[in-house]
All heavy atoms as atom14 arrays in JSON, in Angstrom:
{
  "sequence": "LDSVIDDETKYNIQKKRAKKFRSIYTKLSALTTR",
  "atom14_mask": [
    [1, 1, 1, 1, 1, 1, 1, 1, 0, 0, 0, 0, 0, 0],
    [1, 1, 1, 1, 1, 1, 1, 1, 0, 0, 0, 0, 0, 0],
    [1, 1, 1, 1, 1, 1, 0, 0, 0, 0, 0, 0, 0, 0],
    [1, 1, 1, 1, 1, 1, 1, 0, 0, 0, 0, 0, 0, 0],
    [1, 1, 1, 1, 1, 1, 1, 1, 0, 0, 0, 0, 0, 0],
    [1, 1, 1, 1, 1, 1, 1, 1, 0, 0, 0, 0, 0, 0],
    [1, 1, 1, 1, 1, 1, 1, 1, 0, 0, 0, 0, 0, 0],
    [1, 1, 1, 1, 1, 1, 1, 1, 1, 0, 0, 0, 0, 0],
    [1, 1, 1, 1, 1, 1, 1, 0, 0, 0, 0, 0, 0, 0],
    [1, 1, 1, 1, 1, 1, 1, 1, 1, 0, 0, 0, 0, 0],
    [1, 1, 1, 1, 1, 1, 1, 1, 1, 1, 1, 1, 0, 0],
    [1, 1, 1, 1, 1, 1, 1, 1, 0, 0, 0, 0, 0, 0],
    [1, 1, 1, 1, 1, 1, 1, 1, 0, 0, 0, 0, 0, 0],
    [1, 1, 1, 1, 1, 1, 1, 1, 1, 0, 0, 0, 0, 0],
    [1, 1, 1, 1, 1, 1, 1, 1, 1, 0, 0, 0, 0, 0],
    [1, 1, 1, 1, 1, 1, 1, 1, 1, 0, 0, 0, 0, 0],
    [1, 1, 1, 1, 1, 1, 1, 1, 1, 1, 1, 0, 0, 0],
    [1, 1, 1, 1, 1, 0, 0, 0, 0, 0, 0, 0, 0, 0],
    [1, 1, 1, 1, 1, 1, 1, 1, 1, 0, 0, 0, 0, 0],
    [1, 1, 1, 1, 1, 1, 1, 1, 1, 0, 0, 0, 0, 0],
    [1, 1, 1, 1, 1, 1, 1, 1, 1, 1, 1, 0, 0, 0],
    [1, 1, 1, 1, 1, 1, 1, 1, 1, 1, 1, 0, 0, 0],
    [1, 1, 1, 1, 1, 1, 0, 0, 0, 0, 0, 0, 0, 0],
    [1, 1, 1, 1, 1, 1, 1, 1, 0, 0, 0, 0, 0, 0],
    [1, 1, 1, 1, 1, 1, 1, 1, 1, 1, 1, 1, 0, 0],
    [1, 1, 1, 1, 1, 1, 1, 0, 0, 0, 0, 0, 0, 0],
    [1, 1, 1, 1, 1, 1, 1, 1, 1, 0, 0, 0, 0, 0],
    [1, 1, 1, 1, 1, 1, 1, 1, 0, 0, 0, 0, 0, 0],
    [1, 1, 1, 1, 1, 1, 0, 0, 0, 0, 0, 0, 0, 0],
    [1, 1, 1, 1, 1, 0, 0, 0, 0, 0, 0, 0, 0, 0],
    [1, 1, 1, 1, 1, 1, 1, 1, 0, 0, 0, 0, 0, 0],
    [1, 1, 1, 1, 1, 1, 1, 0, 0, 0, 0, 0, 0, 0],
    [1, 1, 1, 1, 1, 1, 1, 0, 0, 0, 0, 0, 0, 0],
    [1, 1, 1, 1, 1, 1, 1, 1, 1, 1, 1, 0, 0, 0]
  ],
  "atom14_positions": [
    [[-4.66, -10.17, -10.01], [-5.58, -10.43, -8.98], [-4.98, -11.04, -7.7], [-4.22, -11.94, -7.86], [-6.71, -11.36, -9.52], [-7.76, -10.65, -10.48], [-8.48, -11.8, -11.22], [-8.67, -9.85, -9.75], [0.0, 0.0, 0.0], [0.0, 0.0, 0.0], [0.0, 0.0, 0.0], [0.0, 0.0, 0.0], [0.0, 0.0, 0.0], [0.0, 0.0, 0.0]],
    [[-5.31, -10.53, -6.56], [-4.74, -10.99, -5.31], [-5.82, -11.4, -4.37], [-7.04, -11.07, -4.47], [-3.96, -9.93, -4.64], [-2.61, -9.6, -5.44], [-1.87, -10.49, -5.72], [-2.42, -8.42, -5.75], [0.0, 0.0, 0.0], [0.0, 0.0, 0.0], [0.0, 0.0, 0.0], [0.0, 0.0, 0.0], [0.0, 0.0, 0.0], [0.0, 0.0, 0.0]],
    [[-5.5, -12.26, -3.41], [-6.4, -12.82, -2.42], [-6.88, -11.72, -1.4], [-6.03, -10.92, -1.0], [-5.85, -13.93, -1.65], [-5.64, -15.05, -2.45], [0.0, 0.0, 0.0], [0.0, 0.0, 0.0], [0.0, 0.0, 0.0], [0.0, 0.0, 0.0], [0.0, 0.0, 0.0], [0.0, 0.0, 0.0], [0.0, 0.0, 0.0], [0.0, 0.0, 0.0]],
    [[-8.15, -11.63, -1.17], [-8.71, -10.78, -0.18], [-8.94, -11.56, 1.12], [-9.82, -12.38, 1.25], [-9.97, -10.06, -0.64], [-10.49, -9.11, 0.45], [-9.71, -9.29, -1.92], [0.0, 0.0, 0.0], [0.0, 0.0, 0.0], [0.0, 0.0, 0.0], [0.0, 0.0, 0.0], [0.0, 0.0, 0.0], [0.0, 0.0, 0.0], [0.0, 0.0, 0.0]],
    [[-8.14, -11.33, 2.19], [-8.27, -12.09, 3.42], [-9.59, -11.78, 4.02], [-10.1, -10.71, 4.09], [-7.15, -11.74, 4.35], [-6.98, -12.78, 5.4], [-7.13, -10.36, 4.85], [-6.61, -14.13, 4.92], [0.0, 0.0, 0.0], [0.0, 0.0, 0.0], [0.0, 0.0, 0.0], [0.0, 0.0, 0.0], [0.0, 0.0, 0.0], [0.0, 0.0, 0.0]],
    [[-10.21, -12.81, 4.63], [-11.51, -12.65, 5.22], [-11.49, -11.98, 6.55], [-12.42, -11.24, 6.92], [-12.2, -14.02, 5.46], [-12.43, -14.81, 4.14], [-12.67, -14.16, 3.2], [-12.3, -16.1, 4.23], [0.0, 0.0, 0.0], [0.0, 0.0, 0.0], [0.0, 0.0, 0.0], [0.0, 0.0, 0.0], [0.0, 0.0, 0.0], [0.0, 0.0, 0.0]],
    [[-10.4, -11.97, 7.26], [-10.23, -11.37, 8.55], [-10.16, -9.85, 8.4], [-9.22, -9.36, 7.73], [-8.9, -11.86, 9.22], [-8.82, -11.47, 10.66], [-8.9, -10.3, 10.95], [-8.6, -12.31, 11.53], [0.0, 0.0, 0.0], [0.0, 0.0, 0.0], [0.0, 0.0, 0.0], [0.0, 0.0, 0.0], [0.0, 0.0, 0.0], [0.0, 0.0, 0.0]],
    [[-11.08, -9.18, 8.85], [-11.13, -7.68, 8.65], [-9.99, -6.98, 9.36], [-9.52, -6.0, 8.8], [-12.54, -7.19, 9.2], [-12.83, -5.73, 8.68], [-13.21, -5.69, 7.26], [-13.53, -6.77, 6.8], [-13.22, -4.61, 6.7], [0.0, 0.0, 0.0], [0.0, 0.0, 0.0], [0.0, 0.0, 0.0], [0.0, 0.0, 0.0], [0.0, 0.0, 0.0]],
    [[-9.55, -7.43, 10.45], [-8.42, -6.86, 11.13], [-7.1, -6.96, 10.33], [-6.41, -5.99, 10.09], [-8.18, -7.43, 12.59], [-9.35, -7.23, 13.34], [-7.06, -6.82, 13.25], [0.0, 0.0, 0.0], [0.0, 0.0, 0.0], [0.0, 0.0, 0.0], [0.0, 0.0, 0.0], [0.0, 0.0, 0.0], [0.0, 0.0, 0.0], [0.0, 0.0, 0.0]],
    [[-6.95, -8.24, 9.77], [-5.76, -8.44, 8.96], [-5.77, -7.63, 7.73], [-4.78, -7.12, 7.2], [-5.66, -9.93, 8.71], [-5.18, -10.79, 9.83], [-5.05, -12.16, 9.43], [-4.6, -13.1, 10.56], [-4.43, -14.53, 10.07], [0.0, 0.0, 0.0], [0.0, 0.0, 0.0], [0.0, 0.0, 0.0], [0.0, 0.0, 0.0], [0.0, 0.0, 0.0]],
    [[-7.02, -7.51, 7.1], [-7.2, -6.74, 5.94], [-6.85, -5.31, 6.1], [-6.19, -4.62, 5.29], [-8.67, -6.95, 5.33], [-8.92, -6.02, 4.16], [-8.56, -6.44, 2.9], [-9.63, -4.85, 4.29], [-8.73, -5.68, 1.83], [-9.92, -4.11, 3.18], [-9.37, -4.43, 2.05], [-9.68, -3.73, 0.87], [0.0, 0.0, 0.0], [0.0, 0.0, 0.0]],
    [[-7.33, -4.71, 7.18], [-7.09, -3.31, 7.48], [-5.61, -2.99, 7.72], [-5.15, -1.98, 7.28], [-7.94, -2.82, 8.66], [-9.41, -2.66, 8.32], [-9.74, -2.31, 7.22], [-10.27, -2.92, 9.29], [0.0, 0.0, 0.0], [0.0, 0.0, 0.0], [0.0, 0.0, 0.0], [0.0, 0.0, 0.0], [0.0, 0.0, 0.0], [0.0, 0.0, 0.0]],
    [[-4.91, -3.93, 8.35], [-3.49, -3.83, 8.57], [-2.83, -3.86, 7.21], [-1.87, -3.04, 6.9], [-2.93, -4.86, 9.51], [-3.55, -4.63, 10.89], [-1.44, -4.85, 9.62], [-3.19, -5.79, 11.89], [0.0, 0.0, 0.0], [0.0, 0.0, 0.0], [0.0, 0.0, 0.0], [0.0, 0.0, 0.0], [0.0, 0.0, 0.0], [0.0, 0.0, 0.0]],
    [[-3.15, -4.85, 6.44], [-2.58, -4.96, 4.99], [-2.78, -3.71, 4.21], [-1.82, -3.23, 3.63], [-3.12, -6.23, 4.34], [-2.58, -6.46, 2.92], [-3.51, -7.4, 2.28], [-4.67, -7.68, 2.59], [-2.96, -8.01, 1.21], [0.0, 0.0, 0.0], [0.0, 0.0, 0.0], [0.0, 0.0, 0.0], [0.0, 0.0, 0.0], [0.0, 0.0, 0.0]],
    [[-3.99, -3.25, 4.23], [-4.34, -2.02, 3.53], [-3.52, -0.84, 3.98], [-2.97, 0.01, 3.17], [-5.84, -1.69, 3.74], [-6.31, -0.42, 3.03], [-7.81, -0.26, 3.12], [-8.23, 0.04, 4.57], [-9.74, 0.27, 4.62], [0.0, 0.0, 0.0], [0.0, 0.0, 0.0], [0.0, 0.0, 0.0], [0.0, 0.0, 0.0], [0.0, 0.0, 0.0]],
    [[-3.34, -0.71, 5.33], [-2.58, 0.44, 5.82], [-1.16, 0.35, 5.42], [-0.61, 1.33, 5.04], [-2.71, 0.42, 7.43], [-1.98, 1.54, 8.07], [-2.22, 1.55, 9.6], [-1.47, 2.72, 10.31], [-1.66, 2.66, 11.75], [0.0, 0.0, 0.0], [0.0, 0.0, 0.0], [0.0, 0.0, 0.0], [0.0, 0.0, 0.0], [0.0, 0.0, 0.0]],
    [[-0.58, -0.79, 5.45], [0.92, -0.99, 5.1], [1.02, -0.73, 3.51], [1.95, -0.09, 3.13], [1.36, -2.37, 5.38], [1.63, -2.52, 6.96], [2.05, -3.94, 7.26], [3.15, -4.46, 6.49], [4.45, -4.2, 6.75], [4.75, -3.46, 7.89], [5.45, -4.65, 6.06], [0.0, 0.0, 0.0], [0.0, 0.0, 0.0], [0.0, 0.0, 0.0]],
    [[0.09, -1.29, 2.85], [0.19, -1.02, 1.27], [0.02, 0.46, 0.94], [0.79, 1.01, 0.1], [-1.0, -1.82, 0.65], [0.0, 0.0, 0.0], [0.0, 0.0, 0.0], [0.0, 0.0, 0.0], [0.0, 0.0, 0.0], [0.0, 0.0, 0.0], [0.0, 0.0, 0.0], [0.0, 0.0, 0.0], [0.0, 0.0, 0.0], [0.0, 0.0, 0.0]],
    [[-0.83, 1.09, 1.68], [-1.05, 2.51, 1.43], [0.3, 3.3, 1.85], [0.7, 4.26, 1.07], [-2.19, 3.08, 2.3], [-2.59, 4.54, 2.01], [-3.76, 4.93, 2.89], [-4.16, 6.45, 2.56], [-5.34, 6.76, 3.34], [0.0, 0.0, 0.0], [0.0, 0.0, 0.0], [0.0, 0.0, 0.0], [0.0, 0.0, 0.0], [0.0, 0.0, 0.0]],
    [[0.94, 2.95, 2.82], [2.22, 3.58, 3.28], [3.28, 3.42, 2.23], [3.89, 4.45, 1.87], [2.67, 2.99, 4.64], [3.96, 3.62, 5.06], [4.56, 2.88, 6.37], [5.13, 1.54, 6.03], [5.71, 0.88, 7.16], [0.0, 0.0, 0.0], [0.0, 0.0, 0.0], [0.0, 0.0, 0.0], [0.0, 0.0, 0.0], [0.0, 0.0, 0.0]],
    [[3.44, 2.22, 1.75], [4.5, 1.92, 0.76], [4.2, 2.64, -0.58], [5.02, 3.22, -1.26], [4.65, 0.43, 0.48], [5.28, -0.36, 1.7], [4.71, -1.52, 2.05], [6.33, 0.22, 2.27], [5.27, -2.21, 3.15], [6.94, -0.46, 3.38], [6.42, -1.67, 3.81], [0.0, 0.0, 0.0], [0.0, 0.0, 0.0], [0.0, 0.0, 0.0]],
    [[2.95, 2.71, -0.97], [2.4, 3.42, -2.16], [2.71, 4.87, -2.05], [3.21, 5.52, -3.0], [1.01, 3.2, -2.44], [0.57, 3.76, -3.73], [-0.77, 3.2, -4.23], [-0.88, 3.42, -5.66], [-1.6, 2.69, -6.54], [-2.16, 1.57, -6.12], [-1.79, 2.98, -7.77], [0.0, 0.0, 0.0], [0.0, 0.0, 0.0], [0.0, 0.0, 0.0]],
    [[2.54, 5.48, -0.85], [2.69, 6.86, -0.62], [4.13, 7.23, -0.69], [4.59, 8.27, -1.35], [2.19, 7.24, 0.73], [2.49, 8.65, 0.99], [0.0, 0.0, 0.0], [0.0, 0.0, 0.0], [0.0, 0.0, 0.0], [0.0, 0.0, 0.0], [0.0, 0.0, 0.0], [0.0, 0.0, 0.0], [0.0, 0.0, 0.0], [0.0, 0.0, 0.0]],
    [[5.05, 6.26, -0.17], [6.52, 6.57, -0.2], [7.05, 6.57, -1.63], [7.71, 7.44, -2.06], [7.28, 5.58, 0.65], [6.87, 5.74, 2.18], [8.84, 5.67, 0.42], [7.43, 4.68, 3.01], [0.0, 0.0, 0.0], [0.0, 0.0, 0.0], [0.0, 0.0, 0.0], [0.0, 0.0, 0.0], [0.0, 0.0, 0.0], [0.0, 0.0, 0.0]],
    [[6.68, 5.48, -2.42], [7.22, 5.41, -3.81], [6.62, 6.48, -4.66], [7.31, 7.01, -5.56], [7.02, 4.01, -4.31], [5.75, 3.61, -4.99], [5.28, 4.22, -6.12], [4.97, 2.55, -4.49], [4.05, 3.8, -6.74], [3.84, 2.2, -4.97], [3.33, 2.88, -6.18], [2.2, 2.41, -6.74], [0.0, 0.0, 0.0], [0.0, 0.0, 0.0]],
    [[5.42, 6.92, -4.39], [4.81, 7.99, -5.24], [5.59, 9.34, -4.95], [5.92, 10.03, -5.89], [3.38, 8.15, -4.9], [2.68, 6.96, -5.21], [2.81, 9.36, -5.69], [0.0, 0.0, 0.0], [0.0, 0.0, 0.0], [0.0, 0.0, 0.0], [0.0, 0.0, 0.0], [0.0, 0.0, 0.0], [0.0, 0.0, 0.0], [0.0, 0.0, 0.0]],
    [[5.9, 9.58, -3.64], [6.66, 10.82, -3.34], [8.02, 10.81, -3.88], [8.55, 11.8, -4.35], [6.61, 10.98, -1.82], [5.25, 11.4, -1.25], [5.25, 11.48, 0.21], [3.87, 11.76, 0.72], [3.84, 11.77, 2.26], [0.0, 0.0, 0.0], [0.0, 0.0, 0.0], [0.0, 0.0, 0.0], [0.0, 0.0, 0.0], [0.0, 0.0, 0.0]],
    [[8.74, 9.68, -3.69], [10.16, 9.51, -4.28], [10.15, 9.6, -5.77], [11.05, 10.24, -6.38], [10.67, 8.16, -3.8], [10.99, 8.06, -2.38], [11.5, 6.66, -2.1], [12.0, 9.16, -1.88], [0.0, 0.0, 0.0], [0.0, 0.0, 0.0], [0.0, 0.0, 0.0], [0.0, 0.0, 0.0], [0.0, 0.0, 0.0], [0.0, 0.0, 0.0]],
    [[9.11, 9.08, -6.45], [9.09, 9.12, -7.91], [8.85, 10.61, -8.4], [9.36, 10.99, -9.46], [7.96, 8.27, -8.41], [8.32, 6.88, -8.17], [0.0, 0.0, 0.0], [0.0, 0.0, 0.0], [0.0, 0.0, 0.0], [0.0, 0.0, 0.0], [0.0, 0.0, 0.0], [0.0, 0.0, 0.0], [0.0, 0.0, 0.0], [0.0, 0.0, 0.0]],
    [[8.03, 11.35, -7.59], [7.82, 12.75, -7.96], [9.14, 13.52, -7.98], [9.22, 14.61, -8.67], [6.85, 13.37, -6.97], [0.0, 0.0, 0.0], [0.0, 0.0, 0.0], [0.0, 0.0, 0.0], [0.0, 0.0, 0.0], [0.0, 0.0, 0.0], [0.0, 0.0, 0.0], [0.0, 0.0, 0.0], [0.0, 0.0, 0.0], [0.0, 0.0, 0.0]],
    [[10.11, 13.07, -7.19], [11.4, 13.79, -7.14], [12.45, 13.22, -8.17], [13.52, 13.74, -8.34], [12.01, 13.66, -5.74], [11.21, 14.36, -4.62], [11.74, 13.92, -3.31], [11.14, 15.88, -4.77], [0.0, 0.0, 0.0], [0.0, 0.0, 0.0], [0.0, 0.0, 0.0], [0.0, 0.0, 0.0], [0.0, 0.0, 0.0], [0.0, 0.0, 0.0]],
    [[12.07, 12.09, -8.69], [13.04, 11.38, -9.61], [12.43, 11.04, -10.99], [12.43, 11.9, -11.92], [13.55, 10.02, -8.99], [12.36, 9.23, -8.62], [14.37, 10.31, -7.74], [0.0, 0.0, 0.0], [0.0, 0.0, 0.0], [0.0, 0.0, 0.0], [0.0, 0.0, 0.0], [0.0, 0.0, 0.0], [0.0, 0.0, 0.0], [0.0, 0.0, 0.0]],
    [[11.82, 9.85, -11.12], [11.35, 9.46, -12.42], [10.14, 10.19, -12.91], [9.85, 10.2, -14.21], [11.05, 7.92, -12.38], [10.07, 7.64, -11.37], [12.3, 7.16, -12.21], [0.0, 0.0, 0.0], [0.0, 0.0, 0.0], [0.0, 0.0, 0.0], [0.0, 0.0, 0.0], [0.0, 0.0, 0.0], [0.0, 0.0, 0.0], [0.0, 0.0, 0.0]],
    [[9.26, 10.69, -12.1], [8.08, 11.45, -12.52], [8.29, 12.93, -12.27], [7.3, 13.75, -12.33], [6.86, 11.01, -11.69], [6.42, 9.69, -12.19], [5.17, 9.17, -11.46], [3.92, 9.93, -11.65], [2.99, 9.58, -12.54], [3.18, 8.5, -13.3], [1.96, 10.25, -12.78], [0.0, 0.0, 0.0], [0.0, 0.0, 0.0], [0.0, 0.0, 0.0]]
  ]
}
């Protein structure tokens, strides 16, 4: 469980960055471990 920041702008930036990193590791894993 992680903290959900109250500031909507900060939350959306955090969500966008997390989505980007998740997309990268998913694509790289599809070429390697998955």
